[in-house]
Amino acid sequence: MHTFFIAFTVFAMGVLCITSYADLIGTKLGKHICFGLGVFWTIRLFVQLFVYSPKLWKGKTFETIVHILFSLFWTYMGVVFLWTALN
């Protein structure tokens, strides 16, 4: 159940971004939502880099590639949402 609700939350974020992008970038409430999403993805990046054990991916080719790609993805998401919120 926990995994389902995490996936559902991330899916809902994506649907919000696809269906309401004009409101997200053009209204005060949208900027607040973008700020919250930026904080969410930045915290997710922090957890990936400093909380999870490197033993989960170090020395494993596929896991290392996935670790790097998702770290870049979470960096991108945090920057884009925070940039949108603050500009």
PDB file of N, CA and C in Angstrom:
ATOM      1  N   MET A   1       0.822  -1.187   0.000  1.00  0.00           N
ATOM      2  CA  MET A   1       0.000   0.000   0.000  1.00  0.00           C
ATOM      3  C   MET A   1       0.866   1.251   0.000  1.00  0.00           C
ATOM      4  N   HIS A   2       1.938   1.236   0.778  1.00  0.00           N
ATOM      5  CA  HIS A   2       2.810   2.410   0.865  1.00  0.00           C
ATOM      6  C   HIS A   2       3.368   2.766  -0.514  1.00  0.00           C
ATOM      7  N   THR A   3       3.841   1.783  -1.241  1.00  0.00           N
ATOM      8  CA  THR A   3       4.384   2.014  -2.583  1.00  0.00           C
ATOM      9  C   THR A   3       3.312   2.558  -3.519  1.00  0.00           C
ATOM     10  N   PHE A   4       2.094   2.043  -3.410  1.00  0.00           N
ATOM     11  CA  PHE A   4       0.995   2.543  -4.234  1.00  0.00           C
ATOM     12  C   PHE A   4       0.763   4.024  -4.001  1.00  0.00           C
ATOM     13  N   PHE A   5       0.723   4.454  -2.744  1.00  0.00           N
ATOM     14  CA  PHE A   5       0.447   5.860  -2.459  1.00  0.00           C
ATOM     15  C   PHE A   5       1.605   6.769  -2.862  1.00  0.00           C
ATOM     16  N   ILE A   6       2.823   6.288  -2.775  1.00  0.00           N
ATOM     17  CA  ILE A   6       3.952   7.075  -3.279  1.00  0.00           C
ATOM     18  C   ILE A   6       3.826   7.237  -4.794  1.00  0.00           C
ATOM     19  N   ALA A   7       3.563   6.139  -5.482  1.00  0.00           N
ATOM     20  CA  ALA A   7       3.408   6.207  -6.941  1.00  0.00           C
ATOM     21  C   ALA A   7       2.227   7.083  -7.327  1.00  0.00           C
ATOM     22  N   PHE A   8       1.131   6.984  -6.604  1.00  0.00           N
ATOM     23  CA  PHE A   8      -0.046   7.802  -6.893  1.00  0.00           C
ATOM     24  C   PHE A   8       0.255   9.288  -6.696  1.00  0.00           C
ATOM     25  N   THR A   9       0.970   9.627  -5.643  1.00  0.00           N
ATOM     26  CA  THR A   9       1.326  11.024  -5.380  1.00  0.00           C
ATOM     27  C   THR A   9       2.194  11.588  -6.493  1.00  0.00           C
ATOM     28  N   VAL A  10       3.197  10.842  -6.907  1.00  0.00           N
ATOM     29  CA  VAL A  10       4.073  11.294  -7.990  1.00  0.00           C
ATOM     30  C   VAL A  10       3.276  11.391  -9.296  1.00  0.00           C
ATOM     31  N   PHE A  11       2.394  10.447  -9.555  1.00  0.00           N
ATOM     32  CA  PHE A  11       1.529  10.498 -10.735  1.00  0.00           C
ATOM     33  C   PHE A  11       0.645  11.747 -10.690  1.00  0.00           C
ATOM     34  N   ALA A  12       0.055  12.044  -9.543  1.00  0.00           N
ATOM     35  CA  ALA A  12      -0.803  13.212  -9.396  1.00  0.00           C
ATOM     36  C   ALA A  12      -0.021  14.505  -9.623  1.00  0.00           C
ATOM     37  N   MET A  13       1.228  14.544  -9.167  1.00  0.00           N
ATOM     38  CA  MET A  13       2.075  15.714  -9.435  1.00  0.00           C
ATOM     39  C   MET A  13       2.261  15.904 -10.937  1.00  0.00           C
ATOM     40  N   GLY A  14       2.504  14.818 -11.628  1.00  0.00           N
ATOM     41  CA  GLY A  14       2.683  14.884 -13.076  1.00  0.00           C
ATOM     42  C   GLY A  14       1.433  15.343 -13.792  1.00  0.00           C
ATOM     43  N   VAL A  15       0.279  14.819 -13.381  1.00  0.00           N
ATOM     44  CA  VAL A  15      -0.987  15.230 -13.983  1.00  0.00           C
ATOM     45  C   VAL A  15      -1.230  16.717 -13.724  1.00  0.00           C
ATOM     46  N   LEU A  16      -0.948  17.171 -12.518  1.00  0.00           N
ATOM     47  CA  LEU A  16      -1.092  18.590 -12.190  1.00  0.00           C
ATOM     48  C   LEU A  16      -0.227  19.452 -13.105  1.00  0.00           C
ATOM     49  N   CYS A  17       1.001  19.038 -13.310  1.00  0.00           N
ATOM     50  CA  CYS A  17       1.919  19.809 -14.155  1.00  0.00           C
ATOM     51  C   CYS A  17       1.472  19.825 -15.618  1.00  0.00           C
ATOM     52  N   ILE A  18       0.955  18.713 -16.100  1.00  0.00           N
ATOM     53  CA  ILE A  18       0.529  18.630 -17.502  1.00  0.00           C
ATOM     54  C   ILE A  18      -0.763  19.405 -17.738  1.00  0.00           C
ATOM     55  N   THR A  19      -1.701  19.310 -16.802  1.00  0.00           N
ATOM     56  CA  THR A  19      -3.021  19.906 -17.033  1.00  0.00           C
ATOM     57  C   THR A  19      -3.137  21.350 -16.551  1.00  0.00           C
ATOM     58  N   SER A  20      -2.257  21.791 -15.667  1.00  0.00           N
ATOM     59  CA  SER A  20      -2.406  23.126 -15.074  1.00  0.00           C
ATOM     60  C   SER A  20      -1.129  23.950 -15.141  1.00  0.00           C
ATOM     61  N   TYR A  21      -0.311  23.712 -16.155  1.00  0.00           N
ATOM     62  CA  TYR A  21       0.976  24.406 -16.228  1.00  0.00           C
ATOM     63  C   TYR A  21       0.823  25.919 -16.275  1.00  0.00           C
ATOM     64  N   ALA A  22      -0.198  26.429 -16.962  1.00  0.00           N
ATOM     65  CA  ALA A  22      -0.380  27.882 -17.043  1.00  0.00           C
ATOM     66  C   ALA A  22      -0.682  28.465 -15.665  1.00  0.00           C
ATOM     67  N   ASP A  23      -1.500  27.784 -14.885  1.00  0.00           N
ATOM     68  CA  ASP A  23      -1.804  28.248 -13.531  1.00  0.00           C
ATOM     69  C   ASP A  23      -0.587  28.143 -12.617  1.00  0.00           C
ATOM     70  N   LEU A  24       0.214  27.098 -12.791  1.00  0.00           N
ATOM     71  CA  LEU A  24       1.393  26.916 -11.948  1.00  0.00           C
ATOM     72  C   LEU A  24       2.412  28.036 -12.154  1.00  0.00           C
ATOM     73  N   ILE A  25       2.568  28.492 -13.383  1.00  0.00           N
ATOM     74  CA  ILE A  25       3.575  29.520 -13.639  1.00  0.00           C
ATOM     75  C   ILE A  25       3.005  30.935 -13.624  1.00  0.00           C
ATOM     76  N   GLY A  26       1.661  31.060 -13.628  1.00  0.00           N
ATOM     77  CA  GLY A  26       1.080  32.384 -13.768  1.00  0.00           C
ATOM     78  C   GLY A  26       0.284  32.914 -12.590  1.00  0.00           C
ATOM     79  N   THR A  27       0.131  32.116 -11.532  1.00  0.00           N
ATOM     80  CA  THR A  27      -0.643  32.582 -10.379  1.00  0.00           C
ATOM     81  C   THR A  27       0.184  32.475  -9.107  1.00  0.00           C
ATOM     82  N   LYS A  28      -0.233  33.231  -8.109  1.00  0.00           N
ATOM     83  CA  LYS A  28       0.471  33.187  -6.825  1.00  0.00           C
ATOM     84  C   LYS A  28       0.361  31.793  -6.192  1.00  0.00           C
ATOM     85  N   LEU A  29      -0.842  31.204  -6.245  1.00  0.00           N
ATOM     86  CA  LEU A  29      -1.007  29.852  -5.706  1.00  0.00           C
ATOM     87  C   LEU A  29      -0.131  28.860  -6.470  1.00  0.00           C
ATOM     88  N   GLY A  30      -0.070  29.007  -7.784  1.00  0.00           N
ATOM     89  CA  GLY A  30       0.775  28.136  -8.592  1.00  0.00           C
ATOM     90  C   GLY A  30       2.235  28.228  -8.195  1.00  0.00           C
ATOM     91  N   LYS A  31       2.689  29.449  -7.919  1.00  0.00           N
ATOM     92  CA  LYS A  31       4.086  29.633  -7.482  1.00  0.00           C
ATOM     93  C   LYS A  31       4.328  28.935  -6.140  1.00  0.00           C
ATOM     94  N   HIS A  32       3.340  29.015  -5.256  1.00  0.00           N
ATOM     95  CA  HIS A  32       3.472  28.328  -3.957  1.00  0.00           C
ATOM     96  C   HIS A  32       3.523  26.813  -4.149  1.00  0.00           C
ATOM     97  N   ILE A  33       2.691  26.304  -5.037  1.00  0.00           N
ATOM     98  CA  ILE A  33       2.707  24.869  -5.328  1.00  0.00           C
ATOM     99  C   ILE A  33       4.052  24.473  -5.928  1.00  0.00           C
ATOM    100  N   CYS A  34       4.570  25.277  -6.864  1.00  0.00           N
ATOM    101  CA  CYS A  34       5.887  25.007  -7.453  1.00  0.00           C
ATOM    102  C   CYS A  34       6.976  25.014  -6.394  1.00  0.00           C
ATOM    103  N   PHE A  35       6.869  25.948  -5.450  1.00  0.00           N
ATOM    104  CA  PHE A  35       7.857  25.987  -4.370  1.00  0.00           C
ATOM    105  C   PHE A  35       7.802  24.693  -3.556  1.00  0.00           C
ATOM    106  N   GLY A  36       6.601  24.249  -3.224  1.00  0.00           N
ATOM    107  CA  GLY A  36       6.451  23.002  -2.472  1.00  0.00           C
ATOM    108  C   GLY A  36       6.990  21.807  -3.234  1.00  0.00           C
ATOM    109  N   LEU A  37       6.717  21.751  -4.545  1.00  0.00           N
ATOM    110  CA  LEU A  37       7.244  20.650  -5.353  1.00  0.00           C
ATOM    111  C   LEU A  37       8.766  20.724  -5.455  1.00  0.00           C
ATOM    112  N   GLY A  38       9.300  21.935  -5.553  1.00  0.00           N
ATOM    113  CA  GLY A  38      10.756  22.092  -5.586  1.00  0.00           C
ATOM    114  C   GLY A  38      11.406  21.625  -4.295  1.00  0.00           C
ATOM    115  N   VAL A  39      10.808  21.967  -3.170  1.00  0.00           N
ATOM    116  CA  VAL A  39      11.327  21.513  -1.874  1.00  0.00           C
ATOM    117  C   VAL A  39      11.228  19.990  -1.789  1.00  0.00           C
ATOM    118  N   PHE A  40      10.106  19.427  -2.220  1.00  0.00           N
ATOM    119  CA  PHE A  40       9.915  17.978  -2.211  1.00  0.00           C
ATOM    120  C   PHE A  40      11.035  17.275  -2.974  1.00  0.00           C
ATOM    121  N   TRP A  41      11.292  17.698  -4.221  1.00  0.00           N
ATOM    122  CA  TRP A  41      12.298  17.029  -5.053  1.00  0.00           C
ATOM    123  C   TRP A  41      13.713  17.287  -4.539  1.00  0.00           C
ATOM    124  N   THR A  42      13.955  18.453  -3.951  1.00  0.00           N
ATOM    125  CA  THR A  42      15.275  18.736  -3.375  1.00  0.00           C
ATOM    126  C   THR A  42      15.533  17.852  -2.157  1.00  0.00           C
ATOM    127  N   ILE A  43      14.518  17.674  -1.330  1.00  0.00           N
ATOM    128  CA  ILE A  43      14.659  16.763  -0.178  1.00  0.00           C
ATOM    129  C   ILE A  43      14.877  15.336  -0.668  1.00  0.00           C
ATOM    130  N   ARG A  44      14.170  14.953  -1.724  1.00  0.00           N
ATOM    131  CA  ARG A  44      14.351  13.601  -2.287  1.00  0.00           C
ATOM    132  C   ARG A  44      15.784  13.404  -2.754  1.00  0.00           C
ATOM    133  N   LEU A  45      16.354  14.426  -3.379  1.00  0.00           N
ATOM    134  CA  LEU A  45      17.755  14.365  -3.796  1.00  0.00           C
ATOM    135  C   LEU A  45      18.674  14.234  -2.588  1.00  0.00           C
ATOM    136  N   PHE A  46      18.433  15.027  -1.552  1.00  0.00           N
ATOM    137  CA  PHE A  46      19.234  14.964  -0.331  1.00  0.00           C
ATOM    138  C   PHE A  46      19.203  13.555   0.269  1.00  0.00           C
ATOM    139  N   VAL A  47      18.017  12.965   0.330  1.00  0.00           N
ATOM    140  CA  VAL A  47      17.876  11.605   0.871  1.00  0.00           C
ATOM    141  C   VAL A  47      18.670  10.615   0.028  1.00  0.00           C
ATOM    142  N   GLN A  48      18.581  10.755  -1.297  1.00  0.00           N
ATOM    143  CA  GLN A  48      19.319   9.853  -2.188  1.00  0.00           C
ATOM    144  C   GLN A  48      20.823   9.935  -1.947  1.00  0.00           C
ATOM    145  N   LEU A  49      21.319  11.153  -1.757  1.00  0.00           N
ATOM    146  CA  LEU A  49      22.769  11.350  -1.650  1.00  0.00           C
ATOM    147  C   LEU A  49      23.323  11.106  -0.251  1.00  0.00           C
ATOM    148  N   PHE A  50      22.524  11.393   0.802  1.00  0.00           N
ATOM    149  CA  PHE A  50      23.088  11.386   2.147  1.00  0.00           C
ATOM    150  C   PHE A  50      22.418  10.431   3.135  1.00  0.00           C
ATOM    151  N   VAL A  51      21.297   9.839   2.772  1.00  0.00           N
ATOM    152  CA  VAL A  51      20.608   8.943   3.706  1.00  0.00           C
ATOM    153  C   VAL A  51      20.755   7.487   3.282  1.00  0.00           C
ATOM    154  N   TYR A  52      20.455   7.198   2.017  1.00  0.00           N
ATOM    155  CA  TYR A  52      20.580   5.822   1.546  1.00  0.00           C
ATOM    156  C   TYR A  52      22.043   5.396   1.517  1.00  0.00           C
ATOM    157  N   SER A  53      22.292   4.163   1.858  1.00  0.00           N
ATOM    158  CA  SER A  53      23.648   3.625   1.892  1.00  0.00           C
ATOM    159  C   SER A  53      24.210   3.472   0.474  1.00  0.00           C
ATOM    160  N   PRO A  54      25.450   3.913   0.257  1.00  0.00           N
ATOM    161  CA  PRO A  54      26.088   3.694  -1.044  1.00  0.00           C
ATOM    162  C   PRO A  54      26.274   2.214  -1.371  1.00  0.00           C
ATOM    163  N   LYS A  55      26.177   1.359  -0.357  1.00  0.00           N
ATOM    164  CA  LYS A  55      26.295  -0.080  -0.599  1.00  0.00           C
ATOM    165  C   LYS A  55      25.204  -0.588  -1.540  1.00  0.00           C
ATOM    166  N   LEU A  56      24.111   0.168  -1.634  1.00  0.00           N
ATOM    167  CA  LEU A  56      23.006  -0.236  -2.500  1.00  0.00           C
ATOM    168  C   LEU A  56      23.360  -0.125  -3.981  1.00  0.00           C
ATOM    169  N   TRP A  57      24.341   0.729  -4.332  1.00  0.00           N
ATOM    170  CA  TRP A  57      24.639   0.942  -5.752  1.00  0.00           C
ATOM    171  C   TRP A  57      26.114   0.876  -6.117  1.00  0.00           C
ATOM    172  N   LYS A  58      27.006   1.130  -5.173  1.00  0.00           N
ATOM    173  CA  LYS A  58      28.435   1.126  -5.500  1.00  0.00           C
ATOM    174  C   LYS A  58      28.906  -0.258  -5.922  1.00  0.00           C
ATOM    175  N   GLY A  59      29.666  -0.293  -7.023  1.00  0.00           N
ATOM    176  CA  GLY A  59      30.212  -1.537  -7.520  1.00  0.00           C
ATOM    177  C   GLY A  59      29.241  -2.345  -8.368  1.00  0.00           C
ATOM    178  N   LYS A  60      28.049  -1.811  -8.573  1.00  0.00           N
ATOM    179  CA  LYS A  60      27.037  -2.486  -9.391  1.00  0.00           C
ATOM    180  C   LYS A  60      26.723  -1.562 -10.566  1.00  0.00           C
ATOM    181  N   THR A  61      27.039  -1.999 -11.766  1.00  0.00           N
ATOM    182  CA  THR A  61      26.943  -1.137 -12.940  1.00  0.00           C
ATOM    183  C   THR A  61      25.546  -0.569 -13.138  1.00  0.00           C
ATOM    184  N   PHE A  62      24.546  -1.428 -13.208  1.00  0.00           N
ATOM    185  CA  PHE A  62      23.185  -0.956 -13.465  1.00  0.00           C
ATOM    186  C   PHE A  62      22.703  -0.018 -12.363  1.00  0.00           C
ATOM    187  N   GLU A  63      22.894  -0.408 -11.104  1.00  0.00           N
ATOM    188  CA  GLU A  63      22.442   0.404  -9.978  1.00  0.00           C
ATOM    189  C   GLU A  63      23.165   1.749  -9.932  1.00  0.00           C
ATOM    190  N   THR A  64      24.446   1.776 -10.297  1.00  0.00           N
ATOM    191  CA  THR A  64      25.197   3.030 -10.317  1.00  0.00           C
ATOM    192  C   THR A  64      24.658   3.962 -11.398  1.00  0.00           C
ATOM    193  N   ILE A  65      24.369   3.412 -12.570  1.00  0.00           N
ATOM    194  CA  ILE A  65      23.798   4.219 -13.656  1.00  0.00           C
ATOM    195  C   ILE A  65      22.444   4.793 -13.232  1.00  0.00           C
ATOM    196  N   VAL A  66      21.602   3.961 -12.642  1.00  0.00           N
ATOM    197  CA  VAL A  66      20.292   4.414 -12.184  1.00  0.00           C
ATOM    198  C   VAL A  66      20.448   5.473 -11.093  1.00  0.00           C
ATOM    199  N   HIS A  67      21.370   5.266 -10.166  1.00  0.00           N
ATOM    200  CA  HIS A  67      21.635   6.239  -9.100  1.00  0.00           C
ATOM    201  C   HIS A  67      22.010   7.597  -9.703  1.00  0.00           C
ATOM    202  N   ILE A  68      22.901   7.608 -10.661  1.00  0.00           N
ATOM    203  CA  ILE A  68      23.346   8.856 -11.289  1.00  0.00           C
ATOM    204  C   ILE A  68      22.211   9.510 -12.073  1.00  0.00           C
ATOM    205  N   LEU A  69      21.502   8.719 -12.871  1.00  0.00           N
ATOM    206  CA  LEU A  69      20.414   9.280 -13.679  1.00  0.00           C
ATOM    207  C   LEU A  69      19.303   9.876 -12.810  1.00  0.00           C
ATOM    208  N   PHE A  70      18.917   9.163 -11.781  1.00  0.00           N
ATOM    209  CA  PHE A  70      17.854   9.693 -10.924  1.00  0.00           C
ATOM    210  C   PHE A  70      18.343  10.874 -10.090  1.00  0.00           C
ATOM    211  N   SER A  71      19.603  10.876  -9.686  1.00  0.00           N
ATOM    212  CA  SER A  71      20.138  12.037  -8.980  1.00  0.00           C
ATOM    213  C   SER A  71      20.098  13.270  -9.878  1.00  0.00           C
ATOM    214  N   LEU A  72      20.440  13.098 -11.147  1.00  0.00           N
ATOM    215  CA  LEU A  72      20.349  14.203 -12.103  1.00  0.00           C
ATOM    216  C   LEU A  72      18.894  14.628 -12.309  1.00  0.00           C
ATOM    217  N   PHE A  73      17.998  13.653 -12.391  1.00  0.00           N
ATOM    218  CA  PHE A  73      16.577  13.951 -12.572  1.00  0.00           C
ATOM    219  C   PHE A  73      16.024  14.742 -11.395  1.00  0.00           C
ATOM    220  N   TRP A  74      16.330  14.316 -10.164  1.00  0.00           N
ATOM    221  CA  TRP A  74      15.824  15.023  -8.992  1.00  0.00           C
ATOM    222  C   TRP A  74      16.447  16.406  -8.873  1.00  0.00           C
ATOM    223  N   THR A  75      17.701  16.550  -9.275  1.00  0.00           N
ATOM    224  CA  THR A  75      18.322  17.876  -9.307  1.00  0.00           C
ATOM    225  C   THR A  75      17.567  18.769 -10.288  1.00  0.00           C
ATOM    226  N   TYR A  76      17.304  18.249 -11.479  1.00  0.00           N
ATOM    227  CA  TYR A  76      16.567  18.997 -12.494  1.00  0.00           C
ATOM    228  C   TYR A  76      15.189  19.416 -11.980  1.00  0.00           C
ATOM    229  N   MET A  77      14.458  18.474 -11.402  1.00  0.00           N
ATOM    230  CA  MET A  77      13.116  18.781 -10.912  1.00  0.00           C
ATOM    231  C   MET A  77      13.153  19.850  -9.816  1.00  0.00           C
ATOM    232  N   GLY A  78      14.073  19.714  -8.878  1.00  0.00           N
ATOM    233  CA  GLY A  78      14.185  20.710  -7.813  1.00  0.00           C
ATOM    234  C   GLY A  78      14.511  22.088  -8.357  1.00  0.00           C
ATOM    235  N   VAL A  79      15.464  22.152  -9.272  1.00  0.00           N
ATOM    236  CA  VAL A  79      15.872  23.444  -9.848  1.00  0.00           C
ATOM    237  C   VAL A  79      14.729  24.061 -10.640  1.00  0.00           C
ATOM    238  N   VAL A  80      14.084  23.293 -11.490  1.00  0.00           N
ATOM    239  CA  VAL A  80      13.008  23.840 -12.326  1.00  0.00           C
ATOM    240  C   VAL A  80      11.858  24.368 -11.466  1.00  0.00           C
ATOM    241  N   PHE A  81      11.420  23.600 -10.500  1.00  0.00           N
ATOM    242  CA  PHE A  81      10.296  24.054  -9.675  1.00  0.00           C
ATOM    243  C   PHE A  81      10.677  25.243  -8.797  1.00  0.00           C
ATOM    244  N   LEU A  82      11.855  25.209  -8.195  1.00  0.00           N
ATOM    245  CA  LEU A  82      12.269  26.344  -7.374  1.00  0.00           C
ATOM    246  C   LEU A  82      12.497  27.587  -8.218  1.00  0.00           C
ATOM    247  N   TRP A  83      13.074  27.429  -9.390  1.00  0.00           N
ATOM    248  CA  TRP A  83      13.285  28.555 -10.308  1.00  0.00           C
ATOM    249  C   TRP A  83      11.940  29.169 -10.696  1.00  0.00           C
ATOM    250  N   THR A  84      10.988  28.320 -11.021  1.00  0.00           N
ATOM    251  CA  THR A  84       9.650  28.784 -11.400  1.00  0.00           C
ATOM    252  C   THR A  84       8.992  29.518 -10.232  1.00  0.00           C
ATOM    253  N   ALA A  85       9.137  28.979  -9.040  1.00  0.00           N
ATOM    254  CA  ALA A  85       8.503  29.590  -7.860  1.00  0.00           C
ATOM    255  C   ALA A  85       9.112  30.937  -7.515  1.00  0.00           C
ATOM    256  N   LEU A  86      10.399  31.079  -7.730  1.00  0.00           N
ATOM    257  CA  LEU A  86      11.086  32.287  -7.286  1.00  0.00           C
ATOM    258  C   LEU A  86      11.221  33.356  -8.365  1.00  0.00           C
ATOM    259  N   ASN A  87      10.766  33.064  -9.579  1.00  0.00           N
ATOM    260  CA  ASN A  87      10.825  34.056 -10.660  1.00  0.00           C
ATOM    261  C   ASN A  87       9.445  34.423 -11.148  1.00  0.00           C
TER     262      ASN A  87
END
